[in-house]
């Protein structure tokens, strides 16, 4: 299982690796064969533990099933869930669980060993890459120590020729430097003369430009002064026209405001008068209704009292009759007559009290309704009074505004 998971780390090059070369220097230097596949090996190293991890996981259900099938359960297995037998008491078989745990521990140990081996393999590959880099650097800077005597002589001759060429180049450089210094001095002197000539020409041009600009500025000043005077005169005329128009508009607004104030005052007066008349009429109506309610309540009270008195008289008559009958047979019906008399008196008193209560309730209800109506009318009168005060204040503000327009105009 570990050999399959680490197959990507094999050192033997494939045919693709042998046929692939990478040029590390120019065309005139030797090239070195570098396996291109090795550059792709290192990013693929995490795939080995993954392959190892997948293989045991695929084998786990089969092994667990075989274990559970080989071992009998203590209480008789009914069904299995995830490869573990379920006993009658509703749990898993302990032996099967222990076997599963041992198998998982073994797989974990195997994966750990594979991971350690993979890490060591990565370290070895890093060392191999470092060695190849060193060889590549040595190939880029070759040493001639291993060459023969003829090559050494050729190298010494080349060094002597290089020294002579260096001496000649230094002499030429010195001569060129001296000639450049002389040329620079001559160019500097010529540039100074040309700069003086250009400075004189620029001074003459600046003086001419200054004279021309002064003349143009004087002409523009005269033209601007004339335009400013014309603009000022036009602005004054326009201001006079605007002032006249504003005065006319203020006069019209003042007249309109006065008319609006008078109309509003007249409307408020009419509304207040109408409200007063309506309030007086309503007061009279309420007074009549209150009187009618009171008279009705008094009449109803009297009627109820009369009915109660009639009932009481009837009860007393019945009691008297019962008393007379009881006198005839006093020994037998004395207690009954007294009870009848007592009940008749109590009934009469209850009837009288009920009649008085109803009469007072009717009277109070009529008075309360009258009071509510009066309070509502008073609230309406207060609202109209406040509205009149607000309109009066608005009229005063308009009058002050009109007066202010008059002061501004004067």
Protein backbone atom coordinates (compact mmCIF):
# COMPACT_ATOMS: atom_id res chain seq x y z
CA UNK A 1 0.00 0.00 0.00
CA UNK A 2 2.86 2.39 0.78
CA UNK A 3 4.62 1.57 -2.52
CA UNK A 4 1.54 2.60 -4.46
CA UNK A 5 1.18 5.85 -2.52
CA UNK A 6 4.85 6.86 -3.07
CA UNK A 7 5.18 5.91 -6.73
CA UNK A 8 5.58 9.58 -7.73
CA UNK A 9 8.93 9.83 -5.89
CA UNK A 10 10.84 7.24 -8.03
CA UNK A 11 14.37 8.44 -8.98
CA UNK A 12 14.62 6.65 -12.31
CA UNK A 13 13.92 9.11 -15.14
CA UNK A 14 11.23 8.33 -17.63
CA UNK A 15 11.75 8.53 -21.39
CA UNK A 16 10.09 11.93 -21.29
CA UNK A 17 12.65 13.14 -18.76
CA UNK A 18 15.61 11.88 -20.81
CA UNK A 19 14.46 13.57 -24.01
CA UNK A 20 13.68 16.95 -22.39
CA UNK A 21 16.57 19.48 -22.11
CA UNK A 22 16.73 23.04 -20.84
CA UNK A 23 19.35 25.42 -22.24
CA UNK A 24 21.11 27.24 -19.39
CA UNK A 25 23.68 29.36 -21.31
CA UNK A 26 24.31 30.89 -24.74
CA UNK A 27 24.79 28.92 -27.95
CA UNK A 28 28.61 28.93 -27.67
CA UNK A 29 28.57 27.18 -24.25
CA UNK A 30 27.59 23.60 -23.39
CA UNK A 31 24.08 22.76 -22.27
CA UNK A 32 23.07 20.60 -19.35
CA UNK A 33 20.27 18.09 -19.36
CA UNK A 34 17.76 18.81 -16.58
CA UNK A 35 14.77 16.49 -16.14
CA UNK A 36 11.71 18.62 -16.60
CA UNK A 37 9.54 16.14 -14.73
CA UNK A 38 11.51 16.71 -11.49
CA UNK A 39 10.19 20.28 -11.27
CA UNK A 40 6.66 18.89 -11.12
CA UNK A 41 7.46 16.27 -8.48
CA UNK A 42 7.65 18.53 -5.46
CA UNK A 43 4.19 20.18 -5.74
CA UNK A 44 2.70 16.68 -6.16
CA UNK A 45 4.16 15.30 -2.87
CA UNK A 46 0.95 15.85 -0.82
CA UNK A 47 -0.86 13.40 -3.14
CA UNK A 48 0.95 10.40 -1.59
CA UNK A 49 -0.64 10.66 1.87
CA UNK A 50 -3.97 11.27 0.22
CA UNK A 51 -3.70 8.09 -1.83
CA UNK A 52 -2.72 6.14 1.25
CA UNK A 53 -5.57 7.63 3.22
CA UNK A 54 -8.17 6.75 0.59
CA UNK A 55 -7.08 3.11 0.22
CA UNK A 56 -7.73 2.07 3.86
CA UNK A 57 -10.98 3.94 3.86
CA UNK A 58 -12.15 1.95 0.87
CA UNK A 59 -11.17 -1.31 2.52
CA UNK A 60 -12.65 -0.47 5.93
CA UNK A 61 -16.32 -1.46 5.35
CA UNK A 62 -15.33 -4.89 3.97
CA UNK A 63 -13.05 -5.70 6.91
CA UNK A 64 -15.59 -4.48 9.42
CA UNK A 65 -18.31 -6.53 7.76
CA UNK A 66 -16.13 -9.63 7.78
CA UNK A 67 -15.30 -9.13 11.45
CA UNK A 68 -18.93 -8.71 12.41
CA UNK A 69 -19.94 -11.71 10.35
CA UNK A 70 -17.24 -13.94 11.91
CA UNK A 71 -18.00 -13.07 15.54
CA UNK A 72 -21.32 -14.08 17.18
CA UNK A 73 -23.13 -11.49 19.25
CA UNK A 74 -23.87 -11.90 22.91
CA UNK A 75 -27.60 -11.27 22.67
CA UNK A 76 -28.38 -12.14 19.09
CA UNK A 77 -27.90 -9.52 16.32
CA UNK A 78 -31.00 -8.15 14.67
CA UNK A 79 -29.49 -5.69 12.14
CA UNK A 80 -26.23 -3.87 11.39
CA UNK A 81 -25.46 -0.16 11.04
CA UNK A 82 -22.13 0.93 9.52
CA UNK A 83 -20.71 -2.65 9.81
CA UNK A 84 -21.39 -2.95 13.58
CA UNK A 85 -23.97 -5.50 14.85
CA UNK A 86 -26.84 -4.20 16.98
CA UNK A 87 -27.82 -6.33 20.02
CA UNK A 88 -31.27 -6.70 21.50
CA UNK A 89 -30.71 -4.10 24.20
CA UNK A 90 -30.44 -1.35 21.57
CA UNK A 91 -26.61 -0.94 21.57
CA UNK A 92 -23.59 -2.18 19.55
CA UNK A 93 -21.58 -5.30 20.28
CA UNK A 94 -18.60 -4.28 22.45
CA UNK A 95 -16.23 -6.81 20.86
CA UNK A 96 -17.07 -5.55 17.36
CA UNK A 97 -16.54 -1.95 18.48
CA UNK A 98 -13.16 -2.84 20.01
CA UNK A 99 -12.12 -4.66 16.83
CA UNK A 100 -13.15 -1.64 14.75
CA UNK A 101 -11.17 0.69 17.03
CA UNK A 102 -8.09 -1.56 16.80
CA UNK A 103 -8.35 -1.61 13.03
CA UNK A 104 -8.65 2.20 12.89
CA UNK A 105 -5.63 2.51 15.21
CA UNK A 106 -3.64 0.20 12.92
CA UNK A 107 -4.62 2.23 9.87
CA UNK A 108 -3.67 5.42 11.71
CA UNK A 109 -0.24 3.98 12.54
CA UNK A 110 0.22 2.91 8.91
CA UNK A 111 -0.73 6.40 7.69
CA UNK A 112 1.68 7.95 10.20
CA UNK A 113 4.54 5.76 8.97
CA UNK A 114 3.68 6.61 5.36
CA UNK A 115 3.61 10.31 6.22
CA UNK A 116 7.03 10.08 7.91
CA UNK A 117 8.43 8.25 4.88
CA UNK A 118 6.94 10.90 2.58
CA UNK A 119 8.47 13.72 4.61
CA UNK A 120 11.90 12.03 4.46
CA UNK A 121 11.44 11.61 0.73
CA UNK A 122 10.71 15.34 0.39
CA UNK A 123 13.89 16.15 2.34
CA UNK A 124 15.94 13.90 0.02
CA UNK A 125 14.41 15.59 -3.01
CA UNK A 126 15.30 19.02 -1.60
CA UNK A 127 18.92 17.88 -1.22
CA UNK A 128 18.92 16.58 -4.79
CA UNK A 129 17.60 19.92 -6.05
CA UNK A 130 20.32 21.78 -4.14
CA UNK A 131 23.01 19.50 -5.64
CA UNK A 132 21.67 20.06 -9.15
CA UNK A 133 21.66 23.83 -8.59
CA UNK A 134 25.32 23.67 -7.49
CA UNK A 135 26.23 21.69 -10.60
CA UNK A 136 24.41 24.21 -12.75
CA UNK A 137 26.28 27.12 -11.14
CA UNK A 138 29.62 25.34 -11.67
CA UNK A 139 28.72 24.74 -15.30
CA UNK A 140 28.01 28.46 -15.79
CA UNK A 141 31.49 29.45 -14.34
CA UNK A 142 33.89 26.74 -15.67
CA UNK A 143 37.43 26.31 -14.30
CA UNK A 144 40.40 25.76 -16.62
CA UNK A 145 42.54 23.94 -14.06
CA UNK A 146 41.92 20.61 -15.73
CA UNK A 147 43.03 21.71 -19.24
CA UNK A 148 46.32 20.68 -20.89
CA UNK A 149 49.61 22.59 -21.33
CA UNK A 150 48.78 23.84 -24.78
CA UNK A 151 45.54 25.35 -23.54
CA UNK A 152 47.43 26.97 -20.64
CA UNK A 153 49.94 28.51 -23.06
CA UNK A 154 47.13 29.81 -25.20
CA UNK A 155 45.52 31.33 -22.15
CA UNK A 156 48.79 33.04 -21.12
CA UNK A 157 49.25 34.39 -24.64
CA UNK A 158 45.67 35.67 -24.59
CA UNK A 159 46.31 37.36 -21.25
CA UNK A 160 49.49 39.06 -22.62
CA UNK A 161 47.61 40.27 -25.67
CA UNK A 162 44.84 41.51 -23.42
CA UNK A 163 47.42 43.44 -21.36
CA UNK A 164 48.86 45.10 -24.48
CA UNK A 165 45.38 45.96 -25.70
CA UNK A 166 44.59 47.37 -22.27
CA UNK A 167 47.73 49.60 -22.36
CA UNK A 168 46.92 50.86 -25.85
CA UNK A 169 43.33 51.53 -24.80
CA UNK A 170 44.49 53.46 -21.75
CA UNK A 171 46.83 55.62 -23.89
CA UNK A 172 44.05 56.26 -26.40
CA UNK A 173 41.69 57.11 -23.57
CA UNK A 174 44.18 59.62 -22.13
CA UNK A 175 44.61 61.31 -25.52
CA UNK A 176 40.87 61.36 -26.10
CA UNK A 177 40.36 62.82 -22.62
CA UNK A 178 42.88 65.63 -23.28
CA UNK A 179 41.36 66.40 -26.67
CA UNK A 180 37.90 66.44 -25.10
CA UNK A 181 39.14 68.89 -22.45
CA UNK A 182 40.53 71.22 -25.13
CA UNK A 183 37.34 70.95 -27.19
CA UNK A 184 35.24 71.62 -24.11
CA UNK A 185 37.19 74.80 -23.33
CA UNK A 186 36.78 76.03 -26.89
CA UNK A 187 33.08 75.18 -26.89
CA UNK A 188 32.67 76.91 -23.52
CA UNK A 189 34.31 80.11 -24.82
CA UNK A 190 32.19 80.04 -27.98
CA UNK A 191 29.06 79.45 -25.89
CA UNK A 192 29.95 82.42 -23.67
CA UNK A 193 30.31 84.68 -26.73
CA UNK A 194 27.03 83.43 -28.17
CA UNK A 195 25.33 83.90 -24.78
CA UNK A 196 26.53 87.53 -24.63
CA UNK A 197 25.22 88.17 -28.13
CA UNK A 198 21.91 86.50 -27.31
CA UNK A 199 21.64 88.48 -24.06
CA UNK A 200 22.12 91.78 -25.95
CA UNK A 201 19.51 90.78 -28.53
CA UNK A 202 17.07 89.72 -25.81
CA UNK A 203 17.59 93.03 -23.95
CA UNK A 204 16.77 94.98 -27.11
CA UNK A 205 13.70 92.82 -27.71
CA UNK A 206 12.59 93.22 -24.09
CA UNK A 207 12.88 97.00 -24.32
CA UNK A 208 10.88 97.05 -27.54
CA UNK A 209 8.25 94.77 -26.02
CA UNK A 210 8.04 96.95 -22.88
CA UNK A 211 7.49 100.09 -24.96
CA UNK A 212 4.84 98.34 -27.06
CA UNK A 213 3.10 96.92 -23.98
CA UNK A 214 3.02 100.34 -22.30
CA UNK A 215 1.42 101.84 -25.41
CA UNK A 216 -1.13 99.01 -25.61
CA UNK A 217 -1.88 99.30 -21.90
CA UNK A 218 -2.51 103.04 -22.18
CA UNK A 219 -4.89 102.47 -25.09
CA UNK A 220 -6.70 99.68 -23.22
CA UNK A 221 -6.94 101.89 -20.12
CA UNK A 222 -8.59 104.66 -22.10
CA UNK A 223 -10.95 102.22 -23.78
CA UNK A 224 -11.81 100.56 -20.44
CA UNK A 225 -12.44 103.95 -18.83
CA UNK A 226 -14.83 104.89 -21.62
CA UNK A 227 -16.62 101.53 -21.38
CA UNK A 228 -16.83 101.85 -17.59
CA UNK A 229 -18.41 105.30 -17.85
CA UNK A 230 -20.95 103.98 -20.36
CA UNK A 231 -21.68 100.96 -18.16
CA UNK A 232 -22.09 103.16 -15.07
CA UNK A 233 -24.51 105.47 -16.87
CA UNK A 234 -26.54 102.49 -18.10
CA UNK A 235 -26.56 100.98 -14.60
CA UNK A 236 -27.79 104.25 -13.11
CA UNK A 237 -30.59 104.44 -15.65
CA UNK A 238 -31.54 100.83 -14.98
CA UNK A 239 -31.43 101.46 -11.22
CA UNK A 240 -33.77 104.45 -11.59
CA UNK A 241 -36.18 102.33 -13.62
CA UNK A 242 -36.04 99.52 -11.06
CA UNK A 243 -36.63 101.99 -8.22
CA UNK A 244 -39.71 103.43 -9.91
CA UNK A 245 -41.05 99.95 -10.65
CA UNK A 246 -40.41 98.91 -7.04
CA UNK A 247 -42.23 101.97 -5.71
CA UNK A 248 -45.21 101.24 -7.93
CA UNK A 249 -45.22 97.59 -6.86
CA UNK A 250 -44.99 98.58 -3.18
CA UNK A 251 -47.91 100.98 -3.59
CA UNK A 252 -49.98 98.28 -5.28
CA UNK A 253 -49.06 95.75 -2.59
CA UNK A 254 -49.94 98.26 0.15
CA UNK A 255 -53.34 98.92 -1.39
CA UNK A 256 -53.97 95.21 -1.86
CA UNK A 257 -52.88 94.53 1.71
CA UNK A 258 -55.23 97.16 3.05
CA UNK A 259 -58.08 95.69 1.03
CA UNK A 260 -57.22 92.21 2.26
CA UNK A 261 -57.10 93.47 5.86
CA UNK A 262 -60.47 95.16 5.57
CA UNK A 263 -62.03 92.11 3.93
CA UNK A 264 -60.57 89.80 6.55
CA UNK A 265 -61.72 92.04 9.40
CA UNK A 266 -65.24 92.20 7.94
CA UNK A 267 -65.30 88.42 7.48
CA UNK A 268 -64.14 87.89 11.06
CA UNK A 269 -66.74 90.29 12.39
CA UNK A 270 -69.46 88.51 10.43
CA UNK A 271 -68.28 85.13 11.64
CA UNK A 272 -68.16 86.33 15.25
CA UNK A 273 -71.64 87.83 15.01
CA UNK A 274 -73.00 84.65 13.47
CA UNK A 275 -71.34 82.62 16.19
CA UNK A 276 -72.83 84.82 18.89
CA UNK A 277 -76.30 84.58 17.37
CA UNK A 278 -75.96 80.82 17.02
CA UNK A 279 -74.75 80.59 20.61
CA UNK A 280 -77.69 82.65 21.89
CA UNK A 281 -80.16 80.53 19.93
CA UNK A 282 -78.50 77.37 21.20
CA UNK A 283 -78.60 78.66 24.78
CA UNK A 284 -82.31 79.37 24.47
CA UNK A 285 -82.89 75.92 22.96
CA UNK A 286 -80.89 74.25 25.69
CA UNK A 287 -82.71 76.23 28.35
CA UNK A 288 -86.06 75.15 26.87
CA UNK A 289 -84.91 71.56 26.62
CA UNK A 290 -83.60 71.67 30.19
CA UNK A 291 -86.92 73.11 31.39
CA UNK A 292 -88.84 70.48 29.44
CA UNK A 293 -86.60 67.73 30.83
CA UNK A 294 -87.04 69.08 34.33
CA UNK A 295 -90.81 69.35 33.99
CA UNK A 296 -90.96 65.88 32.49
CA UNK A 297 -88.80 64.50 35.29
CA UNK A 298 -90.94 66.22 37.94
CA UNK A 299 -94.14 64.91 36.36
CA UNK A 300 -92.69 61.43 36.10
CA UNK A 301 -91.56 61.64 39.71
CA UNK A 302 -94.98 62.74 40.83
CA UNK A 303 -96.58 59.94 38.82
CA UNK A 304 -94.26 57.38 40.35
CA UNK A 305 -94.87 58.75 43.83
CA UNK A 306 -98.61 58.68 43.27
CA UNK A 307 -98.41 55.12 42.01
CA UNK A 308 -96.32 54.21 45.01
CA UNK A 309 -98.77 55.86 47.35
CA UNK A 310 -101.64 54.06 45.63
CA UNK A 311 -99.79 50.77 46.01
CA UNK A 312 -99.06 51.60 49.62
CA UNK A 313 -102.70 52.50 50.26
CA UNK A 314 -103.77 49.30 48.58
CA UNK A 315 -101.29 47.40 50.69
CA UNK A 316 -102.55 49.12 53.82
CA UNK A 317 -106.09 48.36 52.76
CA UNK A 318 -105.17 44.75 52.26
CA UNK A 319 -103.42 44.83 55.58
CA UNK A 320 -106.45 46.41 57.23
CA UNK A 321 -108.67 43.84 55.64
CA UNK A 322 -106.34 41.14 56.78
CA UNK A 323 -106.35 42.69 60.22
CA UNK A 324 -110.11 42.66 60.26
CA UNK A 325 -110.11 39.07 59.15
CA UNK A 326 -107.47 38.31 61.72
CA UNK A 327 -109.58 39.91 64.41
CA UNK A 328 -112.33 37.46 63.61
CA UNK A 329 -109.90 34.65 63.93
CA UNK A 330 -107.10 36.25 65.97
CA UNK A 331 -105.83 33.15 67.63
CA UNK A 332 -105.40 31.33 64.31
CA UNK A 333 -104.17 34.09 61.95
CA UNK A 334 -102.53 36.75 64.13
CA UNK A 335 -99.03 35.78 63.03
CA UNK A 336 -100.06 35.63 59.35
CA UNK A 337 -101.66 39.05 59.43
CA UNK A 338 -98.62 40.58 61.02
CA UNK A 339 -96.42 39.04 58.32
CA UNK A 340 -98.67 40.32 55.58
CA UNK A 341 -98.68 43.77 57.14
CA UNK A 342 -94.91 43.80 57.44
CA UNK A 343 -94.41 42.64 53.85
CA UNK A 344 -96.92 45.22 52.63
CA UNK A 345 -95.14 48.02 54.46
CA UNK A 346 -91.75 46.87 53.20
CA UNK A 347 -93.07 46.65 49.65
CA UNK A 348 -94.57 50.11 49.92
CA UNK A 349 -91.31 51.54 51.24
CA UNK A 350 -89.34 49.85 48.42
CA UNK A 351 -91.74 51.20 45.83
CA UNK A 352 -91.44 54.72 47.25
CA UNK A 353 -87.62 54.53 47.37
CA UNK A 354 -87.45 53.15 43.82
CA UNK A 355 -89.73 55.89 42.55
CA UNK A 356 -87.67 58.58 44.22
CA UNK A 357 -84.42 57.07 42.88
CA UNK A 358 -85.78 56.94 39.33
CA UNK A 359 -87.01 60.51 39.62
CA UNK A 360 -83.65 61.73 40.87
CA UNK A 361 -81.83 59.80 38.11
CA UNK A 362 -84.08 61.29 35.44
CA UNK A 363 -83.55 64.77 36.85
CA UNK A 364 -79.76 64.27 37.11
CA UNK A 365 -79.59 62.85 33.58
CA UNK A 366 -81.42 65.86 32.19
CA UNK A 367 -79.20 68.27 34.13
CA UNK A 368 -76.00 66.46 33.02
CA UNK A 369 -77.04 66.53 29.38
CA UNK A 370 -77.80 70.24 29.66
CA UNK A 371 -74.41 70.85 31.30
CA UNK A 372 -72.61 68.90 28.56
CA UNK A 373 -74.34 70.87 25.84
CA UNK A 374 -73.52 74.13 27.59
CA UNK A 375 -69.87 73.09 27.95
CA UNK A 376 -69.72 72.16 24.24
CA UNK A 377 -71.14 75.55 23.25
CA UNK A 378 -68.73 77.31 25.56
CA UNK A 379 -65.80 75.44 23.96
CA UNK A 380 -67.07 76.45 20.52
CA UNK A 381 -67.28 80.07 21.71
CA UNK A 382 -63.74 79.90 23.07
CA UNK A 383 -62.51 78.51 19.76
CA UNK A 384 -64.15 81.31 17.83
CA UNK A 385 -62.74 83.85 20.27
CA UNK A 386 -59.22 82.47 19.80
CA UNK A 387 -59.65 82.45 16.05
CA UNK A 388 -60.77 86.06 16.16
CA UNK A 389 -57.71 86.96 18.24
CA UNK A 390 -55.43 85.18 15.74
CA UNK A 391 -57.03 86.96 12.79
CA UNK A 392 -56.77 90.27 14.65
CA UNK A 393 -53.06 89.63 15.25
CA UNK A 394 -52.62 88.77 11.56
CA UNK A 395 -54.38 91.98 10.59
CA UNK A 396 -52.10 93.93 12.94
CA UNK A 397 -49.06 92.30 11.30
CA UNK A 398 -50.36 93.24 7.85
CA UNK A 399 -50.96 96.79 9.07
CA UNK A 400 -47.39 96.97 10.39
CA UNK A 401 -46.14 95.63 7.07
CA UNK A 402 -48.09 98.28 5.19
CA UNK A 403 -46.72 100.95 7.51
CA UNK A 404 -43.20 99.63 6.89
CA UNK A 405 -43.73 99.88 3.13
CA UNK A 406 -44.81 103.48 3.64
CA UNK A 407 -41.66 104.32 5.61
CA UNK A 408 -39.45 102.68 2.97
CA UNK A 409 -41.11 104.66 0.23
CA UNK A 410 -40.72 107.97 2.11
